[in-house]
């Protein structure tokens, strides 16, 4: 298992917590402007999409929610809200991925490491349907993000587009207080993005790892199921993600060792402080 730098793990945990928390919807109510706390999470996933080697971590996770008019850090992640209408929202959002060290990945032995990377760009959220109490809803999320390595001198590694349907159930029958949701949709990326993860240049080619030039386009499908519950001062959540690389433009890369895999994680956070100021939210 690759040894990950502690700061990168914290950033990864925040992204996972935001992903789990996104499956918790409720009717409009007054809540603190901000909440802060600490928690712990355990996650397991491949070294990169298509890898047959896994990474698993148990790590501390900061918990922070901010419900401002413009800047928000809540169930939908950390973002700046640029436009808000009844059924259309435009935000700036981001994503994070941990590094993967080639010395720990047999098929990448001798190749450059995959750096931790981040994505940032606009996202359009379209509400297609919602119940009267807003506890059940169907949204179409359209994030378009530029990707960069996370290092002292970041460099561009292309762009990604991940349109997906988001279904919030707002409650699990028979389990009071538990919320559930699901996301599903295709992933697409340009040639630069795919070459970074799946390309093999002539200098790194071997008998068992021939040179390969990755193309842009379809990058497979992703399905996520999440559950969460907020107690008075405690939040718990879990997610399960299934990825399929069947039909991906880079599926025949020698670095793709499996075309189907499952990732998952669980987390618990304790809310240690909150603001006296309250705001009306639909969260």
Protein backbone atom coordinates (compact mmCIF):
# COMPACT_ATOMS: atom_id res chain seq x y z
CA UNK A 1 0.00 0.00 0.00
CA UNK A 2 1.33 3.42 -0.91
CA UNK A 3 2.34 5.66 1.95
CA UNK A 4 0.28 8.82 1.53
CA UNK A 5 1.28 12.26 2.89
CA UNK A 6 -0.94 13.17 5.85
CA UNK A 7 -2.24 16.47 4.34
CA UNK A 8 -3.34 14.70 1.18
CA UNK A 9 -5.23 12.14 3.25
CA UNK A 10 -7.08 14.87 5.11
CA UNK A 11 -8.10 16.50 1.85
CA UNK A 12 -9.25 13.15 0.52
CA UNK A 13 -11.31 12.49 3.63
CA UNK A 14 -13.01 15.88 3.31
CA UNK A 15 -14.00 15.03 -0.25
CA UNK A 16 -15.37 11.66 0.84
CA UNK A 17 -17.30 13.18 3.72
CA UNK A 18 -18.81 15.75 1.39
CA UNK A 19 -19.80 12.95 -0.98
CA UNK A 20 -21.52 10.98 1.76
CA UNK A 21 -23.20 14.05 3.23
CA UNK A 22 -24.67 14.95 -0.15
CA UNK A 23 -27.27 12.26 0.40
CA UNK A 24 -29.02 14.03 3.27
CA UNK A 25 -31.99 16.18 2.32
CA UNK A 26 -34.62 17.78 4.53
CA UNK A 27 -37.23 20.52 4.55
CA UNK A 28 -36.30 24.18 5.02
CA UNK A 29 -35.28 25.04 8.59
CA UNK A 30 -33.00 27.33 10.55
CA UNK A 31 -29.49 26.04 11.10
CA UNK A 32 -26.18 27.49 12.33
CA UNK A 33 -24.24 29.62 9.86
CA UNK A 34 -21.25 27.37 10.54
CA UNK A 35 -20.47 24.12 12.35
CA UNK A 36 -17.06 22.60 13.06
CA UNK A 37 -15.76 19.36 14.52
CA UNK A 38 -13.52 16.33 14.07
CA UNK A 39 -14.01 12.73 13.05
CA UNK A 40 -12.48 9.55 11.71
CA UNK A 41 -12.98 7.74 8.42
CA UNK A 42 -11.91 4.48 6.83
CA UNK A 43 -11.83 4.17 3.04
CA UNK A 44 -10.79 1.55 0.50
CA UNK A 45 -10.33 2.11 -3.23
CA UNK A 46 -8.00 1.23 -6.16
CA UNK A 47 -4.71 3.08 -6.63
CA UNK A 48 -6.33 4.62 -9.74
CA UNK A 49 -9.38 3.80 -11.85
CA UNK A 50 -8.59 0.51 -13.56
CA UNK A 51 -5.86 -0.57 -11.13
CA UNK A 52 -6.01 -4.07 -9.62
CA UNK A 53 -4.16 -2.92 -6.50
CA UNK A 54 -6.03 -1.25 -3.65
CA UNK A 55 -5.30 1.34 -0.99
CA UNK A 56 -6.97 1.49 2.41
CA UNK A 57 -6.71 4.14 5.11
CA UNK A 58 -7.98 4.97 8.57
CA UNK A 59 -7.52 8.69 9.13
CA UNK A 60 -8.69 11.72 11.09
CA UNK A 61 -11.13 13.98 9.26
CA UNK A 62 -11.98 17.62 9.95
CA UNK A 63 -15.71 18.44 9.79
CA UNK A 64 -16.81 21.89 8.63
CA UNK A 65 -20.11 23.28 7.34
CA UNK A 66 -20.60 26.88 6.21
CA UNK A 67 -23.97 28.10 4.93
CA UNK A 68 -23.18 31.57 3.59
CA UNK A 69 -24.97 33.39 0.79
CA UNK A 70 -22.06 33.00 -1.66
CA UNK A 71 -19.50 30.59 -0.19
CA UNK A 72 -20.87 27.24 0.95
CA UNK A 73 -19.35 24.11 2.46
CA UNK A 74 -22.17 21.66 3.05
CA UNK A 75 -23.90 18.52 1.77
CA UNK A 76 -22.94 19.39 -1.83
CA UNK A 77 -19.24 19.96 -1.11
CA UNK A 78 -17.17 23.16 -1.00
CA UNK A 79 -18.24 25.67 -3.63
CA UNK A 80 -18.95 29.25 -4.57
CA UNK A 81 -22.55 29.77 -5.66
CA UNK A 82 -22.69 32.06 -8.70
CA UNK A 83 -26.34 31.80 -9.70
CA UNK A 84 -29.39 30.49 -7.85
CA UNK A 85 -32.85 30.20 -9.37
CA UNK A 86 -35.78 27.98 -8.40
CA UNK A 87 -34.56 24.94 -10.35
CA UNK A 88 -31.14 25.99 -11.68
CA UNK A 89 -27.96 26.63 -9.69
CA UNK A 90 -24.51 27.48 -11.07
CA UNK A 91 -21.57 26.92 -8.73
CA UNK A 92 -17.80 26.63 -8.75
CA UNK A 93 -16.85 23.25 -7.35
CA UNK A 94 -13.81 21.02 -7.00
CA UNK A 95 -12.58 17.48 -6.39
CA UNK A 96 -9.44 15.87 -5.00
CA UNK A 97 -7.57 12.61 -5.67
CA UNK A 98 -4.68 11.08 -3.68
CA UNK A 99 -1.26 10.24 -5.12
CA UNK A 100 -0.25 6.75 -6.29
CA UNK A 101 3.40 5.75 -6.10
CA UNK A 102 4.68 3.59 -8.96
CA UNK A 103 7.02 1.65 -6.68
CA UNK A 104 3.91 0.18 -5.02
CA UNK A 105 2.01 -0.58 -8.25
CA UNK A 106 3.43 -3.56 -10.14
CA UNK A 107 2.14 -2.56 -13.59
CA UNK A 108 3.60 0.97 -13.22
CA UNK A 109 7.01 -0.10 -11.93
CA UNK A 110 9.67 2.30 -13.21
CA UNK A 111 7.14 4.88 -14.40
CA UNK A 112 6.66 8.38 -12.92
CA UNK A 113 4.41 8.57 -9.85
CA UNK A 114 0.83 9.74 -10.19
CA UNK A 115 0.72 12.98 -8.22
CA UNK A 116 -2.14 13.97 -5.96
CA UNK A 117 -4.37 16.11 -8.11
CA UNK A 118 -7.27 18.50 -7.85
CA UNK A 119 -10.07 19.55 -10.18
CA UNK A 120 -11.89 22.88 -10.26
CA UNK A 121 -14.52 24.37 -12.54
CA UNK A 122 -18.17 25.34 -13.00
CA UNK A 123 -21.07 23.05 -12.18
CA UNK A 124 -24.71 23.44 -13.22
CA UNK A 125 -27.32 21.77 -10.99
CA UNK A 126 -30.75 21.23 -12.54
CA UNK A 127 -33.63 20.16 -10.29
CA UNK A 128 -35.79 17.88 -12.43
CA UNK A 129 -38.29 16.89 -9.73
CA UNK A 130 -38.85 17.32 -6.01
CA UNK A 131 -41.53 16.33 -3.53
CA UNK A 132 -43.68 18.92 -1.76
CA UNK A 133 -41.56 18.71 1.40
CA UNK A 134 -38.31 18.67 -0.66
CA UNK A 135 -37.15 15.48 1.04
CA UNK A 136 -37.13 13.54 -2.23
CA UNK A 137 -35.64 15.04 -5.35
CA UNK A 138 -34.04 14.24 -8.68
CA UNK A 139 -31.25 16.46 -10.00
CA UNK A 140 -29.00 16.51 -13.03
CA UNK A 141 -25.48 17.64 -12.06
CA UNK A 142 -23.17 18.92 -14.80
CA UNK A 143 -19.61 19.53 -13.50
CA UNK A 144 -16.89 20.54 -15.98
CA UNK A 145 -13.48 20.73 -14.32
CA UNK A 146 -9.88 21.45 -15.22
CA UNK A 147 -7.42 19.10 -13.52
CA UNK A 148 -4.01 19.95 -12.06
CA UNK A 149 -1.33 18.10 -10.12
CA UNK A 150 -1.11 19.00 -6.45
CA UNK A 151 2.53 19.93 -5.95
CA UNK A 152 4.79 22.96 -5.54
CA UNK A 153 4.52 23.79 -9.25
CA UNK A 154 1.10 22.44 -10.35
CA UNK A 155 0.73 21.43 -13.98
CA UNK A 156 -2.34 20.90 -16.10
CA UNK A 157 -3.45 17.31 -16.69
CA UNK A 158 -6.48 18.05 -18.87
CA UNK A 159 -10.18 18.32 -18.12
CA UNK A 160 -13.02 16.05 -17.02
CA UNK A 161 -16.80 16.16 -17.51
CA UNK A 162 -18.99 14.04 -15.23
CA UNK A 163 -22.72 14.51 -15.91
CA UNK A 164 -24.75 12.52 -13.41
CA UNK A 165 -28.23 12.04 -12.04
CA UNK A 166 -28.52 12.59 -8.29
CA UNK A 167 -31.47 11.03 -6.44
CA UNK A 168 -32.10 11.99 -2.81
CA UNK A 169 -34.56 9.73 -0.98
CA UNK A 170 -34.62 11.90 2.16
CA UNK A 171 -35.40 8.99 4.43
CA UNK A 172 -35.16 5.20 4.70
CA UNK A 173 -38.43 3.45 5.62
CA UNK A 174 -38.19 1.86 9.06
CA UNK A 175 -34.93 3.67 9.91
CA UNK A 176 -35.81 6.98 11.56
CA UNK A 177 -33.43 9.80 10.74
CA UNK A 178 -31.45 7.92 8.10
CA UNK A 179 -31.17 9.43 4.62
CA UNK A 180 -30.10 7.73 1.42
CA UNK A 181 -29.26 8.73 -2.10
CA UNK A 182 -27.72 7.61 -5.34
CA UNK A 183 -25.66 9.10 -8.17
CA UNK A 184 -24.98 7.61 -11.58
CA UNK A 185 -23.53 8.85 -14.80
CA UNK A 186 -20.72 8.65 -17.37
CA UNK A 187 -17.24 10.15 -17.08
CA UNK A 188 -15.50 11.88 -19.99
CA UNK A 189 -12.04 13.36 -20.31
CA UNK A 190 -9.72 14.81 -22.91
CA UNK A 191 -6.63 13.11 -24.32
CA UNK A 192 -4.31 14.89 -21.88
CA UNK A 193 -6.26 13.61 -18.86
CA UNK A 194 -6.33 10.03 -20.11
CA UNK A 195 -2.69 10.07 -21.22
CA UNK A 196 -1.60 11.12 -17.73
CA UNK A 197 -3.19 8.05 -16.12
CA UNK A 198 -3.14 5.45 -18.89
CA UNK A 199 -0.52 6.44 -21.45
CA UNK A 200 2.86 4.73 -21.76
CA UNK A 201 5.59 6.60 -23.64
CA UNK A 202 8.39 4.83 -25.46
CA UNK A 203 10.90 5.50 -22.65
CA UNK A 204 8.72 3.52 -20.19
CA UNK A 205 7.66 0.75 -22.57
CA UNK A 206 8.66 -2.85 -21.77
CA UNK A 207 7.92 -6.28 -23.21
CA UNK A 208 4.91 -6.59 -20.90
CA UNK A 209 3.98 -2.90 -21.05
CA UNK A 210 3.93 -1.71 -24.66
CA UNK A 211 3.84 1.96 -25.59
CA UNK A 212 0.31 3.36 -25.57
CA UNK A 213 -1.21 6.71 -26.56
CA UNK A 214 -4.51 7.36 -24.79
CA UNK A 215 -7.33 9.22 -26.51
CA UNK A 216 -9.98 11.52 -25.12
CA UNK A 217 -13.65 10.63 -24.83
CA UNK A 218 -15.75 8.19 -22.81
CA UNK A 219 -14.10 7.05 -19.56
CA UNK A 220 -16.69 4.62 -18.21
CA UNK A 221 -19.65 4.75 -15.84
CA UNK A 222 -19.83 5.44 -12.12
CA UNK A 223 -22.54 4.54 -9.61
CA UNK A 224 -22.57 5.73 -5.99
CA UNK A 225 -24.90 4.78 -3.13
CA UNK A 226 -24.70 6.68 0.15
CA UNK A 227 -26.42 6.73 3.54
CA UNK A 228 -26.08 9.17 6.42
CA UNK A 229 -27.64 10.24 9.70
CA UNK A 230 -27.24 13.38 11.78
CA UNK A 231 -27.65 13.00 15.51
CA UNK A 232 -27.61 16.00 17.87
CA UNK A 233 -23.83 16.43 17.83
CA UNK A 234 -22.74 13.49 15.70
CA UNK A 235 -22.81 12.74 11.97
CA UNK A 236 -22.31 9.26 10.51
CA UNK A 237 -22.19 8.26 6.86
CA UNK A 238 -21.10 5.59 4.44
CA UNK A 239 -20.78 5.22 0.69
CA UNK A 240 -20.34 2.42 -1.83
CA UNK A 241 -19.12 3.17 -5.38
CA UNK A 242 -19.09 0.90 -8.41
CA UNK A 243 -17.03 1.84 -11.47
CA UNK A 244 -17.15 0.24 -14.91
CA UNK A 245 -14.50 1.00 -17.53
CA UNK A 246 -16.17 -1.07 -20.23
CA UNK A 247 -16.24 0.87 -23.46
CA UNK A 248 -13.73 3.48 -22.20
CA UNK A 249 -11.47 4.86 -24.94
CA UNK A 250 -8.41 3.75 -22.91
CA UNK A 251 -9.77 0.33 -21.86
CA UNK A 252 -7.05 -1.47 -23.87
CA UNK A 253 -4.20 0.40 -22.13
CA UNK A 254 -1.67 -1.98 -20.54
CA UNK A 255 -2.17 0.01 -17.31
CA UNK A 256 -5.84 -1.00 -17.10
CA UNK A 257 -5.85 -4.24 -15.10
CA UNK A 258 -9.57 -4.43 -14.26
CA UNK A 259 -12.61 -2.89 -15.90
CA UNK A 260 -14.92 -3.22 -12.89
CA UNK A 261 -14.31 -2.43 -9.25
CA UNK A 262 -15.94 -1.37 -6.00
CA UNK A 263 -14.79 1.32 -3.57
CA UNK A 264 -16.31 2.32 -0.24
CA UNK A 265 -15.90 4.02 3.09
CA UNK A 266 -17.50 4.91 6.41
CA UNK A 267 -17.05 7.98 8.57
CA UNK A 268 -18.19 9.46 11.87
CA UNK A 269 -17.77 13.08 12.93
CA UNK A 270 -18.45 14.91 16.16
CA UNK A 271 -19.68 18.51 15.98
CA UNK A 272 -17.72 20.44 18.60
CA UNK A 273 -18.86 24.01 17.94
CA UNK A 274 -21.37 26.10 16.01
CA UNK A 275 -22.28 29.74 15.43
CA UNK A 276 -25.02 31.54 17.34
CA UNK A 277 -26.23 33.06 14.07
CA UNK A 278 -28.90 31.02 12.27
CA UNK A 279 -29.78 30.93 8.55
CA UNK A 280 -32.71 29.40 6.68
CA UNK A 281 -31.54 26.47 4.54
CA UNK A 282 -32.89 23.53 2.55
CA UNK A 283 -30.27 20.95 3.60
